[in-house]
Amino acid sequence: MIKVTKLNGRELVVNADLIEFVETIPDTLISLTTGRKIMVLEDMDTVIQMAVSYRSMAKIYPIPTGGTGSVFEGEPKDKRRR
């Protein structure tokens, strides 16, 4: 979750996992995967930094592409958890 400020000065907490893209038109517009759009006072680079920091703190990593996406991929079968 990241805290941003709407144009009216009210603070809002946004689920960073739902951010689809961020653009400047000239205010910063956050578009969510839900279809909702939020104009904020923070600049684009600040929103990006907050989202990256959140993902880093939460230890959220993308699943590697290719294969099955198993977290155990690459380990010998006899060492995999059951």
PDB file of N, CA and C in Angstrom:
ATOM      1  N   MET A   1       0.849  -1.174   0.000  1.00  0.00           N
ATOM      2  CA  MET A   1       0.000   0.000   0.000  1.00  0.00           C
ATOM      3  C   MET A   1       0.898   1.243   0.000  1.00  0.00           C
ATOM      4  N   ILE A   2       0.499   2.223  -0.778  1.00  0.00           N
ATOM      5  CA  ILE A   2       1.236   3.487  -0.803  1.00  0.00           C
ATOM      6  C   ILE A   2       0.263   4.623  -0.504  1.00  0.00           C
ATOM      7  N   LYS A   3       0.769   5.650   0.200  1.00  0.00           N
ATOM      8  CA  LYS A   3      -0.065   6.792   0.547  1.00  0.00           C
ATOM      9  C   LYS A   3       0.202   7.914  -0.445  1.00  0.00           C
ATOM     10  N   VAL A   4      -0.846   8.399  -1.086  1.00  0.00           N
ATOM     11  CA  VAL A   4      -0.753   9.498  -2.045  1.00  0.00           C
ATOM     12  C   VAL A   4      -1.728  10.594  -1.645  1.00  0.00           C
ATOM     13  N   THR A   5      -1.589  11.748  -2.285  1.00  0.00           N
ATOM     14  CA  THR A   5      -2.446  12.889  -1.966  1.00  0.00           C
ATOM     15  C   THR A   5      -3.265  13.257  -3.197  1.00  0.00           C
ATOM     16  N   LYS A   6      -4.580  13.229  -3.049  1.00  0.00           N
ATOM     17  CA  LYS A   6      -5.464  13.632  -4.150  1.00  0.00           C
ATOM     18  C   LYS A   6      -5.333  15.137  -4.375  1.00  0.00           C
ATOM     19  N   LEU A   7      -5.809  15.617  -5.508  1.00  0.00           N
ATOM     20  CA  LEU A   7      -5.685  17.033  -5.848  1.00  0.00           C
ATOM     21  C   LEU A   7      -6.379  17.945  -4.845  1.00  0.00           C
ATOM     22  N   ASN A   8      -7.396  17.422  -4.130  1.00  0.00           N
ATOM     23  CA  ASN A   8      -8.104  18.230  -3.134  1.00  0.00           C
ATOM     24  C   ASN A   8      -7.390  18.244  -1.780  1.00  0.00           C
ATOM     25  N   GLY A   9      -6.206  17.599  -1.702  1.00  0.00           N
ATOM     26  CA  GLY A   9      -5.418  17.600  -0.477  1.00  0.00           C
ATOM     27  C   GLY A   9      -5.683  16.425   0.446  1.00  0.00           C
ATOM     28  N   ARG A  10      -6.665  15.606   0.159  1.00  0.00           N
ATOM     29  CA  ARG A  10      -6.976  14.452   1.008  1.00  0.00           C
ATOM     30  C   ARG A  10      -6.013  13.315   0.696  1.00  0.00           C
ATOM     31  N   GLU A  11      -5.564  12.654   1.754  1.00  0.00           N
ATOM     32  CA  GLU A  11      -4.661  11.511   1.581  1.00  0.00           C
ATOM     33  C   GLU A  11      -5.470  10.258   1.275  1.00  0.00           C
ATOM     34  N   LEU A  12      -4.856   9.389   0.504  1.00  0.00           N
ATOM     35  CA  LEU A  12      -5.501   8.162   0.067  1.00  0.00           C
ATOM     36  C   LEU A  12      -4.450   7.068   0.044  1.00  0.00           C
ATOM     37  N   VAL A  13      -4.828   5.870   0.454  1.00  0.00           N
ATOM     38  CA  VAL A  13      -3.915   4.731   0.395  1.00  0.00           C
ATOM     39  C   VAL A  13      -4.333   3.866  -0.787  1.00  0.00           C
ATOM     40  N   VAL A  14      -3.358   3.569  -1.645  1.00  0.00           N
ATOM     41  CA  VAL A  14      -3.614   2.815  -2.868  1.00  0.00           C
ATOM     42  C   VAL A  14      -2.876   1.474  -2.788  1.00  0.00           C
ATOM     43  N   ASN A  15      -3.547   0.427  -3.210  1.00  0.00           N
ATOM     44  CA  ASN A  15      -2.910  -0.883  -3.294  1.00  0.00           C
ATOM     45  C   ASN A  15      -1.950  -0.847  -4.482  1.00  0.00           C
ATOM     46  N   ALA A  16      -0.649  -0.829  -4.211  1.00  0.00           N
ATOM     47  CA  ALA A  16       0.360  -0.705  -5.266  1.00  0.00           C
ATOM     48  C   ALA A  16       0.318  -1.883  -6.235  1.00  0.00           C
ATOM     49  N   ASP A  17      -0.203  -3.023  -5.797  1.00  0.00           N
ATOM     50  CA  ASP A  17      -0.298  -4.186  -6.678  1.00  0.00           C
ATOM     51  C   ASP A  17      -1.326  -3.974  -7.784  1.00  0.00           C
ATOM     52  N   LEU A  18      -2.221  -3.014  -7.615  1.00  0.00           N
ATOM     53  CA  LEU A  18      -3.266  -2.760  -8.603  1.00  0.00           C
ATOM     54  C   LEU A  18      -2.895  -1.674  -9.614  1.00  0.00           C
ATOM     55  N   ILE A  19      -1.703  -1.066  -9.463  1.00  0.00           N
ATOM     56  CA  ILE A  19      -1.305  -0.010 -10.388  1.00  0.00           C
ATOM     57  C   ILE A  19      -0.957  -0.630 -11.737  1.00  0.00           C
ATOM     58  N   GLU A  20      -1.663  -0.189 -12.765  1.00  0.00           N
ATOM     59  CA  GLU A  20      -1.405  -0.670 -14.125  1.00  0.00           C
ATOM     60  C   GLU A  20      -0.386   0.238 -14.808  1.00  0.00           C
ATOM     61  N   PHE A  21      -0.606   1.558 -14.701  1.00  0.00           N
ATOM     62  CA  PHE A  21       0.380   2.500 -15.213  1.00  0.00           C
ATOM     63  C   PHE A  21       0.169   3.867 -14.580  1.00  0.00           C
ATOM     64  N   VAL A  22       1.224   4.701 -14.695  1.00  0.00           N
ATOM     65  CA  VAL A  22       1.205   6.054 -14.150  1.00  0.00           C
ATOM     66  C   VAL A  22       1.600   6.988 -15.284  1.00  0.00           C
ATOM     67  N   GLU A  23       0.869   8.096 -15.419  1.00  0.00           N
ATOM     68  CA  GLU A  23       1.205   9.052 -16.470  1.00  0.00           C
ATOM     69  C   GLU A  23       1.053  10.472 -15.952  1.00  0.00           C
ATOM     70  N   THR A  24       1.698  11.407 -16.641  1.00  0.00           N
ATOM     71  CA  THR A  24       1.616  12.822 -16.290  1.00  0.00           C
ATOM     72  C   THR A  24       0.914  13.549 -17.417  1.00  0.00           C
ATOM     73  N   ILE A  25      -0.251  14.184 -17.100  1.00  0.00           N
ATOM     74  CA  ILE A  25      -1.048  14.805 -18.178  1.00  0.00           C
ATOM     75  C   ILE A  25      -1.685  16.144 -17.805  1.00  0.00           C
ATOM     76  N   PRO A  26      -1.231  17.190 -17.251  1.00  0.00           N
ATOM     77  CA  PRO A  26       0.064  17.406 -16.632  1.00  0.00           C
ATOM     78  C   PRO A  26       0.113  16.908 -15.191  1.00  0.00           C
ATOM     79  N   ASP A  27      -1.062  16.726 -14.530  1.00  0.00           N
ATOM     80  CA  ASP A  27      -1.038  16.142 -13.181  1.00  0.00           C
ATOM     81  C   ASP A  27      -0.763  14.654 -13.302  1.00  0.00           C
ATOM     82  N   THR A  28      -0.360  14.046 -12.201  1.00  0.00           N
ATOM     83  CA  THR A  28      -0.056  12.619 -12.216  1.00  0.00           C
ATOM     84  C   THR A  28      -1.344  11.820 -12.109  1.00  0.00           C
ATOM     85  N   LEU A  29      -1.534  10.908 -13.040  1.00  0.00           N
ATOM     86  CA  LEU A  29      -2.715  10.060 -13.085  1.00  0.00           C
ATOM     87  C   LEU A  29      -2.294   8.605 -12.873  1.00  0.00           C
ATOM     88  N   ILE A  30      -2.856   7.985 -11.832  1.00  0.00           N
ATOM     89  CA  ILE A  30      -2.599   6.573 -11.554  1.00  0.00           C
ATOM     90  C   ILE A  30      -3.791   5.788 -12.079  1.00  0.00           C
ATOM     91  N   SER A  31      -3.526   4.851 -12.981  1.00  0.00           N
ATOM     92  CA  SER A  31      -4.583   3.981 -13.506  1.00  0.00           C
ATOM     93  C   SER A  31      -4.434   2.610 -12.871  1.00  0.00           C
ATOM     94  N   LEU A  32      -5.540   2.114 -12.313  1.00  0.00           N
ATOM     95  CA  LEU A  32      -5.521   0.819 -11.637  1.00  0.00           C
ATOM     96  C   LEU A  32      -6.066  -0.268 -12.553  1.00  0.00           C
ATOM     97  N   THR A  33      -5.731  -1.496 -12.250  1.00  0.00           N
ATOM     98  CA  THR A  33      -6.216  -2.624 -13.043  1.00  0.00           C
ATOM     99  C   THR A  33      -7.725  -2.774 -12.934  1.00  0.00           C
ATOM    100  N   THR A  34      -8.324  -2.142 -11.937  1.00  0.00           N
ATOM    101  CA  THR A  34      -9.780  -2.193 -11.754  1.00  0.00           C
ATOM    102  C   THR A  34     -10.510  -1.242 -12.698  1.00  0.00           C
ATOM    103  N   GLY A  35      -9.748  -0.379 -13.387  1.00  0.00           N
ATOM    104  CA  GLY A  35     -10.343   0.612 -14.265  1.00  0.00           C
ATOM    105  C   GLY A  35     -10.453   1.986 -13.618  1.00  0.00           C
ATOM    106  N   ARG A  36     -10.258   2.055 -12.316  1.00  0.00           N
ATOM    107  CA  ARG A  36     -10.329   3.334 -11.614  1.00  0.00           C
ATOM    108  C   ARG A  36      -9.084   4.158 -11.913  1.00  0.00           C
ATOM    109  N   LYS A  37      -9.253   5.478 -11.976  1.00  0.00           N
ATOM    110  CA  LYS A  37      -8.149   6.398 -12.219  1.00  0.00           C
ATOM    111  C   LYS A  37      -8.129   7.421 -11.090  1.00  0.00           C
ATOM    112  N   ILE A  38      -6.922   7.754 -10.611  1.00  0.00           N
ATOM    113  CA  ILE A  38      -6.787   8.675  -9.490  1.00  0.00           C
ATOM    114  C   ILE A  38      -5.739   9.724  -9.836  1.00  0.00           C
ATOM    115  N   MET A  39      -6.125  11.012  -9.786  1.00  0.00           N
ATOM    116  CA  MET A  39      -5.187  12.120  -9.973  1.00  0.00           C
ATOM    117  C   MET A  39      -4.564  12.440  -8.623  1.00  0.00           C
ATOM    118  N   VAL A  40      -3.243  12.565  -8.596  1.00  0.00           N
ATOM    119  CA  VAL A  40      -2.542  12.815  -7.336  1.00  0.00           C
ATOM    120  C   VAL A  40      -1.555  13.966  -7.479  1.00  0.00           C
ATOM    121  N   LEU A  41      -1.177  14.537  -6.328  1.00  0.00           N
ATOM    122  CA  LEU A  41      -0.213  15.641  -6.308  1.00  0.00           C
ATOM    123  C   LEU A  41       1.223  15.168  -6.500  1.00  0.00           C
ATOM    124  N   GLU A  42       1.532  13.947  -6.062  1.00  0.00           N
ATOM    125  CA  GLU A  42       2.892  13.430  -6.179  1.00  0.00           C
ATOM    126  C   GLU A  42       3.271  13.303  -7.653  1.00  0.00           C
ATOM    127  N   ASP A  43       4.566  13.536  -7.961  1.00  0.00           N
ATOM    128  CA  ASP A  43       4.984  13.384  -9.350  1.00  0.00           C
ATOM    129  C   ASP A  43       5.166  11.901  -9.687  1.00  0.00           C
ATOM    130  N   MET A  44       5.276  11.627 -10.965  1.00  0.00           N
ATOM    131  CA  MET A  44       5.351  10.248 -11.449  1.00  0.00           C
ATOM    132  C   MET A  44       6.513   9.489 -10.806  1.00  0.00           C
ATOM    133  N   ASP A  45       7.686  10.099 -10.739  1.00  0.00           N
ATOM    134  CA  ASP A  45       8.853   9.413 -10.178  1.00  0.00           C
ATOM    135  C   ASP A  45       8.652   9.051  -8.709  1.00  0.00           C
ATOM    136  N   THR A  46       7.971   9.915  -7.964  1.00  0.00           N
ATOM    137  CA  THR A  46       7.694   9.631  -6.551  1.00  0.00           C
ATOM    138  C   THR A  46       6.748   8.450  -6.414  1.00  0.00           C
ATOM    139  N   VAL A  47       5.705   8.394  -7.237  1.00  0.00           N
ATOM    140  CA  VAL A  47       4.758   7.276  -7.198  1.00  0.00           C
ATOM    141  C   VAL A  47       5.488   5.971  -7.538  1.00  0.00           C
ATOM    142  N   ILE A  48       6.328   6.016  -8.550  1.00  0.00           N
ATOM    143  CA  ILE A  48       7.091   4.824  -8.929  1.00  0.00           C
ATOM    144  C   ILE A  48       7.987   4.384  -7.787  1.00  0.00           C
ATOM    145  N   GLN A  49       8.710   5.336  -7.185  1.00  0.00           N
ATOM    146  CA  GLN A  49       9.603   5.003  -6.072  1.00  0.00           C
ATOM    147  C   GLN A  49       8.831   4.386  -4.907  1.00  0.00           C
ATOM    148  N   MET A  50       7.650   4.931  -4.580  1.00  0.00           N
ATOM    149  CA  MET A  50       6.852   4.386  -3.478  1.00  0.00           C
ATOM    150  C   MET A  50       6.384   2.969  -3.795  1.00  0.00           C
ATOM    151  N   ALA A  51       5.957   2.731  -5.031  1.00  0.00           N
ATOM    152  CA  ALA A  51       5.489   1.397  -5.418  1.00  0.00           C
ATOM    153  C   ALA A  51       6.631   0.385  -5.377  1.00  0.00           C
ATOM    154  N   VAL A  52       7.797   0.778  -5.872  1.00  0.00           N
ATOM    155  CA  VAL A  52       8.964  -0.121  -5.850  1.00  0.00           C
ATOM    156  C   VAL A  52       9.387  -0.394  -4.412  1.00  0.00           C
ATOM    157  N   SER A  53       9.389   0.633  -3.569  1.00  0.00           N
ATOM    158  CA  SER A  53       9.759   0.452  -2.154  1.00  0.00           C
ATOM    159  C   SER A  53       8.788  -0.488  -1.455  1.00  0.00           C
ATOM    160  N   TYR A  54       7.494  -0.306  -1.740  1.00  0.00           N
ATOM    161  CA  TYR A  54       6.481  -1.182  -1.142  1.00  0.00           C
ATOM    162  C   TYR A  54       6.744  -2.635  -1.531  1.00  0.00           C
ATOM    163  N   ARG A  55       6.960  -2.868  -2.815  1.00  0.00           N
ATOM    164  CA  ARG A  55       7.175  -4.233  -3.293  1.00  0.00           C
ATOM    165  C   ARG A  55       8.445  -4.818  -2.688  1.00  0.00           C
ATOM    166  N   SER A  56       9.452  -3.984  -2.499  1.00  0.00           N
ATOM    167  CA  SER A  56      10.702  -4.446  -1.899  1.00  0.00           C
ATOM    168  C   SER A  56      10.503  -4.799  -0.422  1.00  0.00           C
ATOM    169  N   MET A  57       9.795  -3.941   0.312  1.00  0.00           N
ATOM    170  CA  MET A  57       9.546  -4.191   1.739  1.00  0.00           C
ATOM    171  C   MET A  57       8.672  -5.421   1.931  1.00  0.00           C
ATOM    172  N   ALA A  58       7.708  -5.610   1.049  1.00  0.00           N
ATOM    173  CA  ALA A  58       6.790  -6.735   1.162  1.00  0.00           C
ATOM    174  C   ALA A  58       7.402  -8.018   0.597  1.00  0.00           C
ATOM    175  N   LYS A  59       8.605  -7.884   0.033  1.00  0.00           N
ATOM    176  CA  LYS A  59       9.305  -9.016  -0.577  1.00  0.00           C
ATOM    177  C   LYS A  59       8.444  -9.690  -1.643  1.00  0.00           C
ATOM    178  N   ILE A  60       7.839  -8.860  -2.482  1.00  0.00           N
ATOM    179  CA  ILE A  60       7.019  -9.353  -3.583  1.00  0.00           C
ATOM    180  C   ILE A  60       7.898  -9.363  -4.821  1.00  0.00           C
ATOM    181  N   TYR A  61       8.043 -10.514  -5.394  1.00  0.00           N
ATOM    182  CA  TYR A  61       8.878 -10.657  -6.572  1.00  0.00           C
ATOM    183  C   TYR A  61       8.059 -11.277  -7.692  1.00  0.00           C
ATOM    184  N   PRO A  62       8.348 -10.910  -8.926  1.00  0.00           N
ATOM    185  CA  PRO A  62       7.624 -11.527 -10.035  1.00  0.00           C
ATOM    186  C   PRO A  62       7.997 -12.993 -10.184  1.00  0.00           C
ATOM    187  N   ILE A  63       7.051 -13.780 -10.655  1.00  0.00           N
ATOM    188  CA  ILE A  63       7.340 -15.186 -10.944  1.00  0.00           C
ATOM    189  C   ILE A  63       8.182 -15.227 -12.206  1.00  0.00           C
ATOM    190  N   PRO A  64       9.300 -15.959 -12.208  1.00  0.00           N
ATOM    191  CA  PRO A  64      10.133 -16.027 -13.410  1.00  0.00           C
ATOM    192  C   PRO A  64       9.325 -16.545 -14.595  1.00  0.00           C
ATOM    193  N   THR A  65       9.617 -16.003 -15.770  1.00  0.00           N
ATOM    194  CA  THR A  65       8.912 -16.456 -16.957  1.00  0.00           C
ATOM    195  C   THR A  65       9.460 -17.791 -17.414  1.00  0.00           C
ATOM    196  N   GLY A  66       8.633 -18.533 -18.091  1.00  0.00           N
ATOM    197  CA  GLY A  66       9.047 -19.849 -18.572  1.00  0.00           C
ATOM    198  C   GLY A  66       8.804 -20.904 -17.517  1.00  0.00           C
ATOM    199  N   GLY A  67       8.790 -22.136 -17.908  1.00  0.00           N
ATOM    200  CA  GLY A  67       8.590 -23.227 -16.964  1.00  0.00           C
ATOM    201  C   GLY A  67       7.197 -23.185 -16.369  1.00  0.00           C
ATOM    202  N   THR A  68       7.069 -23.760 -15.207  1.00  0.00           N
ATOM    203  CA  THR A  68       5.767 -23.866 -14.562  1.00  0.00           C
ATOM    204  C   THR A  68       5.489 -22.706 -13.623  1.00  0.00           C
ATOM    205  N   GLY A  69       6.528 -21.932 -13.297  1.00  0.00           N
ATOM    206  CA  GLY A  69       6.356 -20.846 -12.344  1.00  0.00           C
ATOM    207  C   GLY A  69       6.426 -21.339 -10.912  1.00  0.00           C
ATOM    208  N   SER A  70       6.791 -22.600 -10.716  1.00  0.00           N
ATOM    209  CA  SER A  70       6.891 -23.154  -9.376  1.00  0.00           C
ATOM    210  C   SER A  70       8.041 -22.504  -8.622  1.00  0.00           C
ATOM    211  N   VAL A  71       7.813 -22.196  -7.340  1.00  0.00           N
ATOM    212  CA  VAL A  71       8.882 -21.630  -6.528  1.00  0.00           C
ATOM    213  C   VAL A  71       9.980 -22.647  -6.289  1.00  0.00           C
ATOM    214  N   PHE A  72       9.681 -23.921  -6.553  1.00  0.00           N
ATOM    215  CA  PHE A  72      10.667 -24.979  -6.353  1.00  0.00           C
ATOM    216  C   PHE A  72      11.362 -25.364  -7.648  1.00  0.00           C
ATOM    217  N   GLU A  73      11.030 -24.666  -8.728  1.00  0.00           N
ATOM    218  CA  GLU A  73      11.613 -24.995 -10.018  1.00  0.00           C
ATOM    219  C   GLU A  73      13.132 -24.908  -9.930  1.00  0.00           C
ATOM    220  N   GLY A  74      13.790 -25.874 -10.450  1.00  0.00           N
ATOM    221  CA  GLY A  74      15.245 -25.882 -10.455  1.00  0.00           C
ATOM    222  C   GLY A  74      15.843 -26.698  -9.329  1.00  0.00           C
ATOM    223  N   GLU A  75      15.067 -27.021  -8.311  1.00  0.00           N
ATOM    224  CA  GLU A  75      15.570 -27.871  -7.229  1.00  0.00           C
ATOM    225  C   GLU A  75      15.415 -29.326  -7.631  1.00  0.00           C
ATOM    226  N   PRO A  76      16.328 -30.184  -7.177  1.00  0.00           N
ATOM    227  CA  PRO A  76      16.158 -31.613  -7.441  1.00  0.00           C
ATOM    228  C   PRO A  76      14.845 -32.106  -6.843  1.00  0.00           C
ATOM    229  N   LYS A  77      14.184 -33.039  -7.512  1.00  0.00           N
ATOM    230  CA  LYS A  77      12.873 -33.520  -7.064  1.00  0.00           C
ATOM    231  C   LYS A  77      12.903 -34.047  -5.635  1.00  0.00           C
ATOM    232  N   ASP A  78      13.978 -34.704  -5.237  1.00  0.00           N
ATOM    233  CA  ASP A  78      14.023 -35.284  -3.896  1.00  0.00           C
ATOM    234  C   ASP A  78      14.140 -34.221  -2.804  1.00  0.00           C
ATOM    235  N   LYS A  79      14.435 -32.959  -3.156  1.00  0.00           N
ATOM    236  CA  LYS A  79      14.565 -31.897  -2.147  1.00  0.00           C
ATOM    237  C   LYS A  79      13.344 -30.991  -2.128  1.00  0.00           C
ATOM    238  N   ARG A  80      12.375 -31.235  -2.992  1.00  0.00           N
ATOM    239  CA  ARG A  80      11.177 -30.406  -3.016  1.00  0.00           C
ATOM    240  C   ARG A  80      10.297 -30.708  -1.810  1.00  0.00           C
ATOM    241  N   ARG A  81       9.635 -29.657  -1.343  1.00  0.00           N
ATOM    242  CA  ARG A  81       8.678 -29.847  -0.236  1.00  0.00           C
ATOM    243  C   ARG A  81       7.459 -30.568  -0.764  1.00  0.00           C
ATOM    244  N   ARG A  82       6.794 -31.247   0.106  1.00  0.00           N
ATOM    245  CA  ARG A  82       5.573 -31.965  -0.272  1.00  0.00           C
ATOM    246  C   ARG A  82       4.373 -31.341   0.362  1.00  0.00           C
TER     247      ARG A  82
END
